[in-house]
Amino acid sequence: EITSPTFNIIKEYNGELPLYHVDVY
């Protein structure tokens, strides 16, 4: 489940490695 982090700016996900999804728009 990946959603655009537009309102959170940074979203963290746990996978094989952590994934930090950043949207600075």
PDBML (XML) file of the C-alpha atoms, coordinates in Angstrom:
<?xml version="1.0" encoding="UTF-8" ?>
<PDBx:datablock datablockName="MODEL"
   xmlns:PDBx="http://pdbml.pdb.org/schema/pdbx-v50.xsd"
   xmlns:xsi="http://www.w3.org/2001/XMLSchema-instance"
   xsi:schemaLocation="http://pdbml.pdb.org/schema/pdbx-v50.xsd pdbx-v50.xsd">
   <PDBx:atom_siteCategory>
      <PDBx:atom_site id="1">
         <PDBx:B_iso_or_equiv>0.00</PDBx:B_iso_or_equiv>
         <PDBx:Cartn_x>0.000</PDBx:Cartn_x>
         <PDBx:Cartn_y>0.000</PDBx:Cartn_y>
         <PDBx:Cartn_z>0.000</PDBx:Cartn_z>
         <PDBx:auth_asym_id>A</PDBx:auth_asym_id>
         <PDBx:auth_atom_id>CA</PDBx:auth_atom_id>
         <PDBx:auth_comp_id>GLU</PDBx:auth_comp_id>
         <PDBx:auth_seq_id>1</PDBx:auth_seq_id>
         <PDBx:group_PDB>ATOM</PDBx:group_PDB>
         <PDBx:label_alt_id xsi:nil="true" />
         <PDBx:label_asym_id>A</PDBx:label_asym_id>
         <PDBx:label_atom_id>CA</PDBx:label_atom_id>
         <PDBx:label_comp_id>GLU</PDBx:label_comp_id>
         <PDBx:label_entity_id>1</PDBx:label_entity_id>
         <PDBx:label_seq_id>1</PDBx:label_seq_id>
         <PDBx:occupancy>1.00</PDBx:occupancy>
         <PDBx:pdbx_PDB_model_num>1</PDBx:pdbx_PDB_model_num>
         <PDBx:type_symbol>C</PDBx:type_symbol>
      </PDBx:atom_site>
      <PDBx:atom_site id="2">
         <PDBx:B_iso_or_equiv>0.00</PDBx:B_iso_or_equiv>
         <PDBx:Cartn_x>1.678</PDBx:Cartn_x>
         <PDBx:Cartn_y>3.169</PDBx:Cartn_y>
         <PDBx:Cartn_z>-1.195</PDBx:Cartn_z>
         <PDBx:auth_asym_id>A</PDBx:auth_asym_id>
         <PDBx:auth_atom_id>CA</PDBx:auth_atom_id>
         <PDBx:auth_comp_id>ILE</PDBx:auth_comp_id>
         <PDBx:auth_seq_id>2</PDBx:auth_seq_id>
         <PDBx:group_PDB>ATOM</PDBx:group_PDB>
         <PDBx:label_alt_id xsi:nil="true" />
         <PDBx:label_asym_id>A</PDBx:label_asym_id>
         <PDBx:label_atom_id>CA</PDBx:label_atom_id>
         <PDBx:label_comp_id>ILE</PDBx:label_comp_id>
         <PDBx:label_entity_id>1</PDBx:label_entity_id>
         <PDBx:label_seq_id>2</PDBx:label_seq_id>
         <PDBx:occupancy>1.00</PDBx:occupancy>
         <PDBx:pdbx_PDB_model_num>1</PDBx:pdbx_PDB_model_num>
         <PDBx:type_symbol>C</PDBx:type_symbol>
      </PDBx:atom_site>
      <PDBx:atom_site id="3">
         <PDBx:B_iso_or_equiv>0.00</PDBx:B_iso_or_equiv>
         <PDBx:Cartn_x>-0.280</PDBx:Cartn_x>
         <PDBx:Cartn_y>6.390</PDBx:Cartn_y>
         <PDBx:Cartn_z>-1.151</PDBx:Cartn_z>
         <PDBx:auth_asym_id>A</PDBx:auth_asym_id>
         <PDBx:auth_atom_id>CA</PDBx:auth_atom_id>
         <PDBx:auth_comp_id>THR</PDBx:auth_comp_id>
         <PDBx:auth_seq_id>3</PDBx:auth_seq_id>
         <PDBx:group_PDB>ATOM</PDBx:group_PDB>
         <PDBx:label_alt_id xsi:nil="true" />
         <PDBx:label_asym_id>A</PDBx:label_asym_id>
         <PDBx:label_atom_id>CA</PDBx:label_atom_id>
         <PDBx:label_comp_id>THR</PDBx:label_comp_id>
         <PDBx:label_entity_id>1</PDBx:label_entity_id>
         <PDBx:label_seq_id>3</PDBx:label_seq_id>
         <PDBx:occupancy>1.00</PDBx:occupancy>
         <PDBx:pdbx_PDB_model_num>1</PDBx:pdbx_PDB_model_num>
         <PDBx:type_symbol>C</PDBx:type_symbol>
      </PDBx:atom_site>
      <PDBx:atom_site id="4">
         <PDBx:B_iso_or_equiv>0.00</PDBx:B_iso_or_equiv>
         <PDBx:Cartn_x>0.994</PDBx:Cartn_x>
         <PDBx:Cartn_y>9.785</PDBx:Cartn_y>
         <PDBx:Cartn_z>-2.127</PDBx:Cartn_z>
         <PDBx:auth_asym_id>A</PDBx:auth_asym_id>
         <PDBx:auth_atom_id>CA</PDBx:auth_atom_id>
         <PDBx:auth_comp_id>SER</PDBx:auth_comp_id>
         <PDBx:auth_seq_id>4</PDBx:auth_seq_id>
         <PDBx:group_PDB>ATOM</PDBx:group_PDB>
         <PDBx:label_alt_id xsi:nil="true" />
         <PDBx:label_asym_id>A</PDBx:label_asym_id>
         <PDBx:label_atom_id>CA</PDBx:label_atom_id>
         <PDBx:label_comp_id>SER</PDBx:label_comp_id>
         <PDBx:label_entity_id>1</PDBx:label_entity_id>
         <PDBx:label_seq_id>4</PDBx:label_seq_id>
         <PDBx:occupancy>1.00</PDBx:occupancy>
         <PDBx:pdbx_PDB_model_num>1</PDBx:pdbx_PDB_model_num>
         <PDBx:type_symbol>C</PDBx:type_symbol>
      </PDBx:atom_site>
      <PDBx:atom_site id="5">
         <PDBx:B_iso_or_equiv>0.00</PDBx:B_iso_or_equiv>
         <PDBx:Cartn_x>2.425</PDBx:Cartn_x>
         <PDBx:Cartn_y>11.401</PDBx:Cartn_y>
         <PDBx:Cartn_z>1.032</PDBx:Cartn_z>
         <PDBx:auth_asym_id>A</PDBx:auth_asym_id>
         <PDBx:auth_atom_id>CA</PDBx:auth_atom_id>
         <PDBx:auth_comp_id>PRO</PDBx:auth_comp_id>
         <PDBx:auth_seq_id>5</PDBx:auth_seq_id>
         <PDBx:group_PDB>ATOM</PDBx:group_PDB>
         <PDBx:label_alt_id xsi:nil="true" />
         <PDBx:label_asym_id>A</PDBx:label_asym_id>
         <PDBx:label_atom_id>CA</PDBx:label_atom_id>
         <PDBx:label_comp_id>PRO</PDBx:label_comp_id>
         <PDBx:label_entity_id>1</PDBx:label_entity_id>
         <PDBx:label_seq_id>5</PDBx:label_seq_id>
         <PDBx:occupancy>1.00</PDBx:occupancy>
         <PDBx:pdbx_PDB_model_num>1</PDBx:pdbx_PDB_model_num>
         <PDBx:type_symbol>C</PDBx:type_symbol>
      </PDBx:atom_site>
      <PDBx:atom_site id="6">
         <PDBx:B_iso_or_equiv>0.00</PDBx:B_iso_or_equiv>
         <PDBx:Cartn_x>1.258</PDBx:Cartn_x>
         <PDBx:Cartn_y>14.842</PDBx:Cartn_y>
         <PDBx:Cartn_z>-0.065</PDBx:Cartn_z>
         <PDBx:auth_asym_id>A</PDBx:auth_asym_id>
         <PDBx:auth_atom_id>CA</PDBx:auth_atom_id>
         <PDBx:auth_comp_id>THR</PDBx:auth_comp_id>
         <PDBx:auth_seq_id>6</PDBx:auth_seq_id>
         <PDBx:group_PDB>ATOM</PDBx:group_PDB>
         <PDBx:label_alt_id xsi:nil="true" />
         <PDBx:label_asym_id>A</PDBx:label_asym_id>
         <PDBx:label_atom_id>CA</PDBx:label_atom_id>
         <PDBx:label_comp_id>THR</PDBx:label_comp_id>
         <PDBx:label_entity_id>1</PDBx:label_entity_id>
         <PDBx:label_seq_id>6</PDBx:label_seq_id>
         <PDBx:occupancy>1.00</PDBx:occupancy>
         <PDBx:pdbx_PDB_model_num>1</PDBx:pdbx_PDB_model_num>
         <PDBx:type_symbol>C</PDBx:type_symbol>
      </PDBx:atom_site>
      <PDBx:atom_site id="7">
         <PDBx:B_iso_or_equiv>0.00</PDBx:B_iso_or_equiv>
         <PDBx:Cartn_x>-0.350</PDBx:Cartn_x>
         <PDBx:Cartn_y>15.652</PDBx:Cartn_y>
         <PDBx:Cartn_z>3.288</PDBx:Cartn_z>
         <PDBx:auth_asym_id>A</PDBx:auth_asym_id>
         <PDBx:auth_atom_id>CA</PDBx:auth_atom_id>
         <PDBx:auth_comp_id>PHE</PDBx:auth_comp_id>
         <PDBx:auth_seq_id>7</PDBx:auth_seq_id>
         <PDBx:group_PDB>ATOM</PDBx:group_PDB>
         <PDBx:label_alt_id xsi:nil="true" />
         <PDBx:label_asym_id>A</PDBx:label_asym_id>
         <PDBx:label_atom_id>CA</PDBx:label_atom_id>
         <PDBx:label_comp_id>PHE</PDBx:label_comp_id>
         <PDBx:label_entity_id>1</PDBx:label_entity_id>
         <PDBx:label_seq_id>7</PDBx:label_seq_id>
         <PDBx:occupancy>1.00</PDBx:occupancy>
         <PDBx:pdbx_PDB_model_num>1</PDBx:pdbx_PDB_model_num>
         <PDBx:type_symbol>C</PDBx:type_symbol>
      </PDBx:atom_site>
      <PDBx:atom_site id="8">
         <PDBx:B_iso_or_equiv>0.00</PDBx:B_iso_or_equiv>
         <PDBx:Cartn_x>2.180</PDBx:Cartn_x>
         <PDBx:Cartn_y>13.816</PDBx:Cartn_y>
         <PDBx:Cartn_z>5.466</PDBx:Cartn_z>
         <PDBx:auth_asym_id>A</PDBx:auth_asym_id>
         <PDBx:auth_atom_id>CA</PDBx:auth_atom_id>
         <PDBx:auth_comp_id>ASN</PDBx:auth_comp_id>
         <PDBx:auth_seq_id>8</PDBx:auth_seq_id>
         <PDBx:group_PDB>ATOM</PDBx:group_PDB>
         <PDBx:label_alt_id xsi:nil="true" />
         <PDBx:label_asym_id>A</PDBx:label_asym_id>
         <PDBx:label_atom_id>CA</PDBx:label_atom_id>
         <PDBx:label_comp_id>ASN</PDBx:label_comp_id>
         <PDBx:label_entity_id>1</PDBx:label_entity_id>
         <PDBx:label_seq_id>8</PDBx:label_seq_id>
         <PDBx:occupancy>1.00</PDBx:occupancy>
         <PDBx:pdbx_PDB_model_num>1</PDBx:pdbx_PDB_model_num>
         <PDBx:type_symbol>C</PDBx:type_symbol>
      </PDBx:atom_site>
      <PDBx:atom_site id="9">
         <PDBx:B_iso_or_equiv>0.00</PDBx:B_iso_or_equiv>
         <PDBx:Cartn_x>5.299</PDBx:Cartn_x>
         <PDBx:Cartn_y>14.918</PDBx:Cartn_y>
         <PDBx:Cartn_z>3.549</PDBx:Cartn_z>
         <PDBx:auth_asym_id>A</PDBx:auth_asym_id>
         <PDBx:auth_atom_id>CA</PDBx:auth_atom_id>
         <PDBx:auth_comp_id>ILE</PDBx:auth_comp_id>
         <PDBx:auth_seq_id>9</PDBx:auth_seq_id>
         <PDBx:group_PDB>ATOM</PDBx:group_PDB>
         <PDBx:label_alt_id xsi:nil="true" />
         <PDBx:label_asym_id>A</PDBx:label_asym_id>
         <PDBx:label_atom_id>CA</PDBx:label_atom_id>
         <PDBx:label_comp_id>ILE</PDBx:label_comp_id>
         <PDBx:label_entity_id>1</PDBx:label_entity_id>
         <PDBx:label_seq_id>9</PDBx:label_seq_id>
         <PDBx:occupancy>1.00</PDBx:occupancy>
         <PDBx:pdbx_PDB_model_num>1</PDBx:pdbx_PDB_model_num>
         <PDBx:type_symbol>C</PDBx:type_symbol>
      </PDBx:atom_site>
      <PDBx:atom_site id="10">
         <PDBx:B_iso_or_equiv>0.00</PDBx:B_iso_or_equiv>
         <PDBx:Cartn_x>7.157</PDBx:Cartn_x>
         <PDBx:Cartn_y>11.795</PDBx:Cartn_y>
         <PDBx:Cartn_z>4.771</PDBx:Cartn_z>
         <PDBx:auth_asym_id>A</PDBx:auth_asym_id>
         <PDBx:auth_atom_id>CA</PDBx:auth_atom_id>
         <PDBx:auth_comp_id>ILE</PDBx:auth_comp_id>
         <PDBx:auth_seq_id>10</PDBx:auth_seq_id>
         <PDBx:group_PDB>ATOM</PDBx:group_PDB>
         <PDBx:label_alt_id xsi:nil="true" />
         <PDBx:label_asym_id>A</PDBx:label_asym_id>
         <PDBx:label_atom_id>CA</PDBx:label_atom_id>
         <PDBx:label_comp_id>ILE</PDBx:label_comp_id>
         <PDBx:label_entity_id>1</PDBx:label_entity_id>
         <PDBx:label_seq_id>10</PDBx:label_seq_id>
         <PDBx:occupancy>1.00</PDBx:occupancy>
         <PDBx:pdbx_PDB_model_num>1</PDBx:pdbx_PDB_model_num>
         <PDBx:type_symbol>C</PDBx:type_symbol>
      </PDBx:atom_site>
      <PDBx:atom_site id="11">
         <PDBx:B_iso_or_equiv>0.00</PDBx:B_iso_or_equiv>
         <PDBx:Cartn_x>5.648</PDBx:Cartn_x>
         <PDBx:Cartn_y>8.307</PDBx:Cartn_y>
         <PDBx:Cartn_z>4.980</PDBx:Cartn_z>
         <PDBx:auth_asym_id>A</PDBx:auth_asym_id>
         <PDBx:auth_atom_id>CA</PDBx:auth_atom_id>
         <PDBx:auth_comp_id>LYS</PDBx:auth_comp_id>
         <PDBx:auth_seq_id>11</PDBx:auth_seq_id>
         <PDBx:group_PDB>ATOM</PDBx:group_PDB>
         <PDBx:label_alt_id xsi:nil="true" />
         <PDBx:label_asym_id>A</PDBx:label_asym_id>
         <PDBx:label_atom_id>CA</PDBx:label_atom_id>
         <PDBx:label_comp_id>LYS</PDBx:label_comp_id>
         <PDBx:label_entity_id>1</PDBx:label_entity_id>
         <PDBx:label_seq_id>11</PDBx:label_seq_id>
         <PDBx:occupancy>1.00</PDBx:occupancy>
         <PDBx:pdbx_PDB_model_num>1</PDBx:pdbx_PDB_model_num>
         <PDBx:type_symbol>C</PDBx:type_symbol>
      </PDBx:atom_site>
      <PDBx:atom_site id="12">
         <PDBx:B_iso_or_equiv>0.00</PDBx:B_iso_or_equiv>
         <PDBx:Cartn_x>7.559</PDBx:Cartn_x>
         <PDBx:Cartn_y>5.339</PDBx:Cartn_y>
         <PDBx:Cartn_z>6.357</PDBx:Cartn_z>
         <PDBx:auth_asym_id>A</PDBx:auth_asym_id>
         <PDBx:auth_atom_id>CA</PDBx:auth_atom_id>
         <PDBx:auth_comp_id>GLU</PDBx:auth_comp_id>
         <PDBx:auth_seq_id>12</PDBx:auth_seq_id>
         <PDBx:group_PDB>ATOM</PDBx:group_PDB>
         <PDBx:label_alt_id xsi:nil="true" />
         <PDBx:label_asym_id>A</PDBx:label_asym_id>
         <PDBx:label_atom_id>CA</PDBx:label_atom_id>
         <PDBx:label_comp_id>GLU</PDBx:label_comp_id>
         <PDBx:label_entity_id>1</PDBx:label_entity_id>
         <PDBx:label_seq_id>12</PDBx:label_seq_id>
         <PDBx:occupancy>1.00</PDBx:occupancy>
         <PDBx:pdbx_PDB_model_num>1</PDBx:pdbx_PDB_model_num>
         <PDBx:type_symbol>C</PDBx:type_symbol>
      </PDBx:atom_site>
      <PDBx:atom_site id="13">
         <PDBx:B_iso_or_equiv>0.00</PDBx:B_iso_or_equiv>
         <PDBx:Cartn_x>6.978</PDBx:Cartn_x>
         <PDBx:Cartn_y>1.765</PDBx:Cartn_y>
         <PDBx:Cartn_z>5.203</PDBx:Cartn_z>
         <PDBx:auth_asym_id>A</PDBx:auth_asym_id>
         <PDBx:auth_atom_id>CA</PDBx:auth_atom_id>
         <PDBx:auth_comp_id>TYR</PDBx:auth_comp_id>
         <PDBx:auth_seq_id>13</PDBx:auth_seq_id>
         <PDBx:group_PDB>ATOM</PDBx:group_PDB>
         <PDBx:label_alt_id xsi:nil="true" />
         <PDBx:label_asym_id>A</PDBx:label_asym_id>
         <PDBx:label_atom_id>CA</PDBx:label_atom_id>
         <PDBx:label_comp_id>TYR</PDBx:label_comp_id>
         <PDBx:label_entity_id>1</PDBx:label_entity_id>
         <PDBx:label_seq_id>13</PDBx:label_seq_id>
         <PDBx:occupancy>1.00</PDBx:occupancy>
         <PDBx:pdbx_PDB_model_num>1</PDBx:pdbx_PDB_model_num>
         <PDBx:type_symbol>C</PDBx:type_symbol>
      </PDBx:atom_site>
      <PDBx:atom_site id="14">
         <PDBx:B_iso_or_equiv>0.00</PDBx:B_iso_or_equiv>
         <PDBx:Cartn_x>8.516</PDBx:Cartn_x>
         <PDBx:Cartn_y>-1.487</PDBx:Cartn_y>
         <PDBx:Cartn_z>6.386</PDBx:Cartn_z>
         <PDBx:auth_asym_id>A</PDBx:auth_asym_id>
         <PDBx:auth_atom_id>CA</PDBx:auth_atom_id>
         <PDBx:auth_comp_id>ASN</PDBx:auth_comp_id>
         <PDBx:auth_seq_id>14</PDBx:auth_seq_id>
         <PDBx:group_PDB>ATOM</PDBx:group_PDB>
         <PDBx:label_alt_id xsi:nil="true" />
         <PDBx:label_asym_id>A</PDBx:label_asym_id>
         <PDBx:label_atom_id>CA</PDBx:label_atom_id>
         <PDBx:label_comp_id>ASN</PDBx:label_comp_id>
         <PDBx:label_entity_id>1</PDBx:label_entity_id>
         <PDBx:label_seq_id>14</PDBx:label_seq_id>
         <PDBx:occupancy>1.00</PDBx:occupancy>
         <PDBx:pdbx_PDB_model_num>1</PDBx:pdbx_PDB_model_num>
         <PDBx:type_symbol>C</PDBx:type_symbol>
      </PDBx:atom_site>
      <PDBx:atom_site id="15">
         <PDBx:B_iso_or_equiv>0.00</PDBx:B_iso_or_equiv>
         <PDBx:Cartn_x>9.703</PDBx:Cartn_x>
         <PDBx:Cartn_y>-3.861</PDBx:Cartn_y>
         <PDBx:Cartn_z>3.682</PDBx:Cartn_z>
         <PDBx:auth_asym_id>A</PDBx:auth_asym_id>
         <PDBx:auth_atom_id>CA</PDBx:auth_atom_id>
         <PDBx:auth_comp_id>GLY</PDBx:auth_comp_id>
         <PDBx:auth_seq_id>15</PDBx:auth_seq_id>
         <PDBx:group_PDB>ATOM</PDBx:group_PDB>
         <PDBx:label_alt_id xsi:nil="true" />
         <PDBx:label_asym_id>A</PDBx:label_asym_id>
         <PDBx:label_atom_id>CA</PDBx:label_atom_id>
         <PDBx:label_comp_id>GLY</PDBx:label_comp_id>
         <PDBx:label_entity_id>1</PDBx:label_entity_id>
         <PDBx:label_seq_id>15</PDBx:label_seq_id>
         <PDBx:occupancy>1.00</PDBx:occupancy>
         <PDBx:pdbx_PDB_model_num>1</PDBx:pdbx_PDB_model_num>
         <PDBx:type_symbol>C</PDBx:type_symbol>
      </PDBx:atom_site>
      <PDBx:atom_site id="16">
         <PDBx:B_iso_or_equiv>0.00</PDBx:B_iso_or_equiv>
         <PDBx:Cartn_x>12.928</PDBx:Cartn_x>
         <PDBx:Cartn_y>-5.727</PDBx:Cartn_y>
         <PDBx:Cartn_z>2.940</PDBx:Cartn_z>
         <PDBx:auth_asym_id>A</PDBx:auth_asym_id>
         <PDBx:auth_atom_id>CA</PDBx:auth_atom_id>
         <PDBx:auth_comp_id>GLU</PDBx:auth_comp_id>
         <PDBx:auth_seq_id>16</PDBx:auth_seq_id>
         <PDBx:group_PDB>ATOM</PDBx:group_PDB>
         <PDBx:label_alt_id xsi:nil="true" />
         <PDBx:label_asym_id>A</PDBx:label_asym_id>
         <PDBx:label_atom_id>CA</PDBx:label_atom_id>
         <PDBx:label_comp_id>GLU</PDBx:label_comp_id>
         <PDBx:label_entity_id>1</PDBx:label_entity_id>
         <PDBx:label_seq_id>16</PDBx:label_seq_id>
         <PDBx:occupancy>1.00</PDBx:occupancy>
         <PDBx:pdbx_PDB_model_num>1</PDBx:pdbx_PDB_model_num>
         <PDBx:type_symbol>C</PDBx:type_symbol>
      </PDBx:atom_site>
      <PDBx:atom_site id="17">
         <PDBx:B_iso_or_equiv>0.00</PDBx:B_iso_or_equiv>
         <PDBx:Cartn_x>14.485</PDBx:Cartn_x>
         <PDBx:Cartn_y>-2.407</PDBx:Cartn_y>
         <PDBx:Cartn_z>3.904</PDBx:Cartn_z>
         <PDBx:auth_asym_id>A</PDBx:auth_asym_id>
         <PDBx:auth_atom_id>CA</PDBx:auth_atom_id>
         <PDBx:auth_comp_id>LEU</PDBx:auth_comp_id>
         <PDBx:auth_seq_id>17</PDBx:auth_seq_id>
         <PDBx:group_PDB>ATOM</PDBx:group_PDB>
         <PDBx:label_alt_id xsi:nil="true" />
         <PDBx:label_asym_id>A</PDBx:label_asym_id>
         <PDBx:label_atom_id>CA</PDBx:label_atom_id>
         <PDBx:label_comp_id>LEU</PDBx:label_comp_id>
         <PDBx:label_entity_id>1</PDBx:label_entity_id>
         <PDBx:label_seq_id>17</PDBx:label_seq_id>
         <PDBx:occupancy>1.00</PDBx:occupancy>
         <PDBx:pdbx_PDB_model_num>1</PDBx:pdbx_PDB_model_num>
         <PDBx:type_symbol>C</PDBx:type_symbol>
      </PDBx:atom_site>
      <PDBx:atom_site id="18">
         <PDBx:B_iso_or_equiv>0.00</PDBx:B_iso_or_equiv>
         <PDBx:Cartn_x>12.586</PDBx:Cartn_x>
         <PDBx:Cartn_y>0.555</PDBx:Cartn_y>
         <PDBx:Cartn_z>5.334</PDBx:Cartn_z>
         <PDBx:auth_asym_id>A</PDBx:auth_asym_id>
         <PDBx:auth_atom_id>CA</PDBx:auth_atom_id>
         <PDBx:auth_comp_id>PRO</PDBx:auth_comp_id>
         <PDBx:auth_seq_id>18</PDBx:auth_seq_id>
         <PDBx:group_PDB>ATOM</PDBx:group_PDB>
         <PDBx:label_alt_id xsi:nil="true" />
         <PDBx:label_asym_id>A</PDBx:label_asym_id>
         <PDBx:label_atom_id>CA</PDBx:label_atom_id>
         <PDBx:label_comp_id>PRO</PDBx:label_comp_id>
         <PDBx:label_entity_id>1</PDBx:label_entity_id>
         <PDBx:label_seq_id>18</PDBx:label_seq_id>
         <PDBx:occupancy>1.00</PDBx:occupancy>
         <PDBx:pdbx_PDB_model_num>1</PDBx:pdbx_PDB_model_num>
         <PDBx:type_symbol>C</PDBx:type_symbol>
      </PDBx:atom_site>
      <PDBx:atom_site id="19">
         <PDBx:B_iso_or_equiv>0.00</PDBx:B_iso_or_equiv>
         <PDBx:Cartn_x>11.191</PDBx:Cartn_x>
         <PDBx:Cartn_y>2.807</PDBx:Cartn_y>
         <PDBx:Cartn_z>2.609</PDBx:Cartn_z>
         <PDBx:auth_asym_id>A</PDBx:auth_asym_id>
         <PDBx:auth_atom_id>CA</PDBx:auth_atom_id>
         <PDBx:auth_comp_id>LEU</PDBx:auth_comp_id>
         <PDBx:auth_seq_id>19</PDBx:auth_seq_id>
         <PDBx:group_PDB>ATOM</PDBx:group_PDB>
         <PDBx:label_alt_id xsi:nil="true" />
         <PDBx:label_asym_id>A</PDBx:label_asym_id>
         <PDBx:label_atom_id>CA</PDBx:label_atom_id>
         <PDBx:label_comp_id>LEU</PDBx:label_comp_id>
         <PDBx:label_entity_id>1</PDBx:label_entity_id>
         <PDBx:label_seq_id>19</PDBx:label_seq_id>
         <PDBx:occupancy>1.00</PDBx:occupancy>
         <PDBx:pdbx_PDB_model_num>1</PDBx:pdbx_PDB_model_num>
         <PDBx:type_symbol>C</PDBx:type_symbol>
      </PDBx:atom_site>
      <PDBx:atom_site id="20">
         <PDBx:B_iso_or_equiv>0.00</PDBx:B_iso_or_equiv>
         <PDBx:Cartn_x>10.883</PDBx:Cartn_x>
         <PDBx:Cartn_y>6.524</PDBx:Cartn_y>
         <PDBx:Cartn_z>3.261</PDBx:Cartn_z>
         <PDBx:auth_asym_id>A</PDBx:auth_asym_id>
         <PDBx:auth_atom_id>CA</PDBx:auth_atom_id>
         <PDBx:auth_comp_id>TYR</PDBx:auth_comp_id>
         <PDBx:auth_seq_id>20</PDBx:auth_seq_id>
         <PDBx:group_PDB>ATOM</PDBx:group_PDB>
         <PDBx:label_alt_id xsi:nil="true" />
         <PDBx:label_asym_id>A</PDBx:label_asym_id>
         <PDBx:label_atom_id>CA</PDBx:label_atom_id>
         <PDBx:label_comp_id>TYR</PDBx:label_comp_id>
         <PDBx:label_entity_id>1</PDBx:label_entity_id>
         <PDBx:label_seq_id>20</PDBx:label_seq_id>
         <PDBx:occupancy>1.00</PDBx:occupancy>
         <PDBx:pdbx_PDB_model_num>1</PDBx:pdbx_PDB_model_num>
         <PDBx:type_symbol>C</PDBx:type_symbol>
      </PDBx:atom_site>
      <PDBx:atom_site id="21">
         <PDBx:B_iso_or_equiv>0.00</PDBx:B_iso_or_equiv>
         <PDBx:Cartn_x>8.563</PDBx:Cartn_x>
         <PDBx:Cartn_y>8.140</PDBx:Cartn_y>
         <PDBx:Cartn_z>0.712</PDBx:Cartn_z>
         <PDBx:auth_asym_id>A</PDBx:auth_asym_id>
         <PDBx:auth_atom_id>CA</PDBx:auth_atom_id>
         <PDBx:auth_comp_id>HIS</PDBx:auth_comp_id>
         <PDBx:auth_seq_id>21</PDBx:auth_seq_id>
         <PDBx:group_PDB>ATOM</PDBx:group_PDB>
         <PDBx:label_alt_id xsi:nil="true" />
         <PDBx:label_asym_id>A</PDBx:label_asym_id>
         <PDBx:label_atom_id>CA</PDBx:label_atom_id>
         <PDBx:label_comp_id>HIS</PDBx:label_comp_id>
         <PDBx:label_entity_id>1</PDBx:label_entity_id>
         <PDBx:label_seq_id>21</PDBx:label_seq_id>
         <PDBx:occupancy>1.00</PDBx:occupancy>
         <PDBx:pdbx_PDB_model_num>1</PDBx:pdbx_PDB_model_num>
         <PDBx:type_symbol>C</PDBx:type_symbol>
      </PDBx:atom_site>
      <PDBx:atom_site id="22">
         <PDBx:B_iso_or_equiv>0.00</PDBx:B_iso_or_equiv>
         <PDBx:Cartn_x>8.920</PDBx:Cartn_x>
         <PDBx:Cartn_y>11.911</PDBx:Cartn_y>
         <PDBx:Cartn_z>0.714</PDBx:Cartn_z>
         <PDBx:auth_asym_id>A</PDBx:auth_asym_id>
         <PDBx:auth_atom_id>CA</PDBx:auth_atom_id>
         <PDBx:auth_comp_id>VAL</PDBx:auth_comp_id>
         <PDBx:auth_seq_id>22</PDBx:auth_seq_id>
         <PDBx:group_PDB>ATOM</PDBx:group_PDB>
         <PDBx:label_alt_id xsi:nil="true" />
         <PDBx:label_asym_id>A</PDBx:label_asym_id>
         <PDBx:label_atom_id>CA</PDBx:label_atom_id>
         <PDBx:label_comp_id>VAL</PDBx:label_comp_id>
         <PDBx:label_entity_id>1</PDBx:label_entity_id>
         <PDBx:label_seq_id>22</PDBx:label_seq_id>
         <PDBx:occupancy>1.00</PDBx:occupancy>
         <PDBx:pdbx_PDB_model_num>1</PDBx:pdbx_PDB_model_num>
         <PDBx:type_symbol>C</PDBx:type_symbol>
      </PDBx:atom_site>
      <PDBx:atom_site id="23">
         <PDBx:B_iso_or_equiv>0.00</PDBx:B_iso_or_equiv>
         <PDBx:Cartn_x>6.821</PDBx:Cartn_x>
         <PDBx:Cartn_y>14.426</PDBx:Cartn_y>
         <PDBx:Cartn_z>-1.218</PDBx:Cartn_z>
         <PDBx:auth_asym_id>A</PDBx:auth_asym_id>
         <PDBx:auth_atom_id>CA</PDBx:auth_atom_id>
         <PDBx:auth_comp_id>ASP</PDBx:auth_comp_id>
         <PDBx:auth_seq_id>23</PDBx:auth_seq_id>
         <PDBx:group_PDB>ATOM</PDBx:group_PDB>
         <PDBx:label_alt_id xsi:nil="true" />
         <PDBx:label_asym_id>A</PDBx:label_asym_id>
         <PDBx:label_atom_id>CA</PDBx:label_atom_id>
         <PDBx:label_comp_id>ASP</PDBx:label_comp_id>
         <PDBx:label_entity_id>1</PDBx:label_entity_id>
         <PDBx:label_seq_id>23</PDBx:label_seq_id>
         <PDBx:occupancy>1.00</PDBx:occupancy>
         <PDBx:pdbx_PDB_model_num>1</PDBx:pdbx_PDB_model_num>
         <PDBx:type_symbol>C</PDBx:type_symbol>
      </PDBx:atom_site>
      <PDBx:atom_site id="24">
         <PDBx:B_iso_or_equiv>0.00</PDBx:B_iso_or_equiv>
         <PDBx:Cartn_x>8.060</PDBx:Cartn_x>
         <PDBx:Cartn_y>17.999</PDBx:Cartn_y>
         <PDBx:Cartn_z>-0.805</PDBx:Cartn_z>
         <PDBx:auth_asym_id>A</PDBx:auth_asym_id>
         <PDBx:auth_atom_id>CA</PDBx:auth_atom_id>
         <PDBx:auth_comp_id>VAL</PDBx:auth_comp_id>
         <PDBx:auth_seq_id>24</PDBx:auth_seq_id>
         <PDBx:group_PDB>ATOM</PDBx:group_PDB>
         <PDBx:label_alt_id xsi:nil="true" />
         <PDBx:label_asym_id>A</PDBx:label_asym_id>
         <PDBx:label_atom_id>CA</PDBx:label_atom_id>
         <PDBx:label_comp_id>VAL</PDBx:label_comp_id>
         <PDBx:label_entity_id>1</PDBx:label_entity_id>
         <PDBx:label_seq_id>24</PDBx:label_seq_id>
         <PDBx:occupancy>1.00</PDBx:occupancy>
         <PDBx:pdbx_PDB_model_num>1</PDBx:pdbx_PDB_model_num>
         <PDBx:type_symbol>C</PDBx:type_symbol>
      </PDBx:atom_site>
      <PDBx:atom_site id="25">
         <PDBx:B_iso_or_equiv>0.00</PDBx:B_iso_or_equiv>
         <PDBx:Cartn_x>5.587</PDBx:Cartn_x>
         <PDBx:Cartn_y>19.572</PDBx:Cartn_y>
         <PDBx:Cartn_z>-3.261</PDBx:Cartn_z>
         <PDBx:auth_asym_id>A</PDBx:auth_asym_id>
         <PDBx:auth_atom_id>CA</PDBx:auth_atom_id>
         <PDBx:auth_comp_id>TYR</PDBx:auth_comp_id>
         <PDBx:auth_seq_id>25</PDBx:auth_seq_id>
         <PDBx:group_PDB>ATOM</PDBx:group_PDB>
         <PDBx:label_alt_id xsi:nil="true" />
         <PDBx:label_asym_id>A</PDBx:label_asym_id>
         <PDBx:label_atom_id>CA</PDBx:label_atom_id>
         <PDBx:label_comp_id>TYR</PDBx:label_comp_id>
         <PDBx:label_entity_id>1</PDBx:label_entity_id>
         <PDBx:label_seq_id>25</PDBx:label_seq_id>
         <PDBx:occupancy>1.00</PDBx:occupancy>
         <PDBx:pdbx_PDB_model_num>1</PDBx:pdbx_PDB_model_num>
         <PDBx:type_symbol>C</PDBx:type_symbol>
      </PDBx:atom_site>
   </PDBx:atom_siteCategory>
</PDBx:datablock>
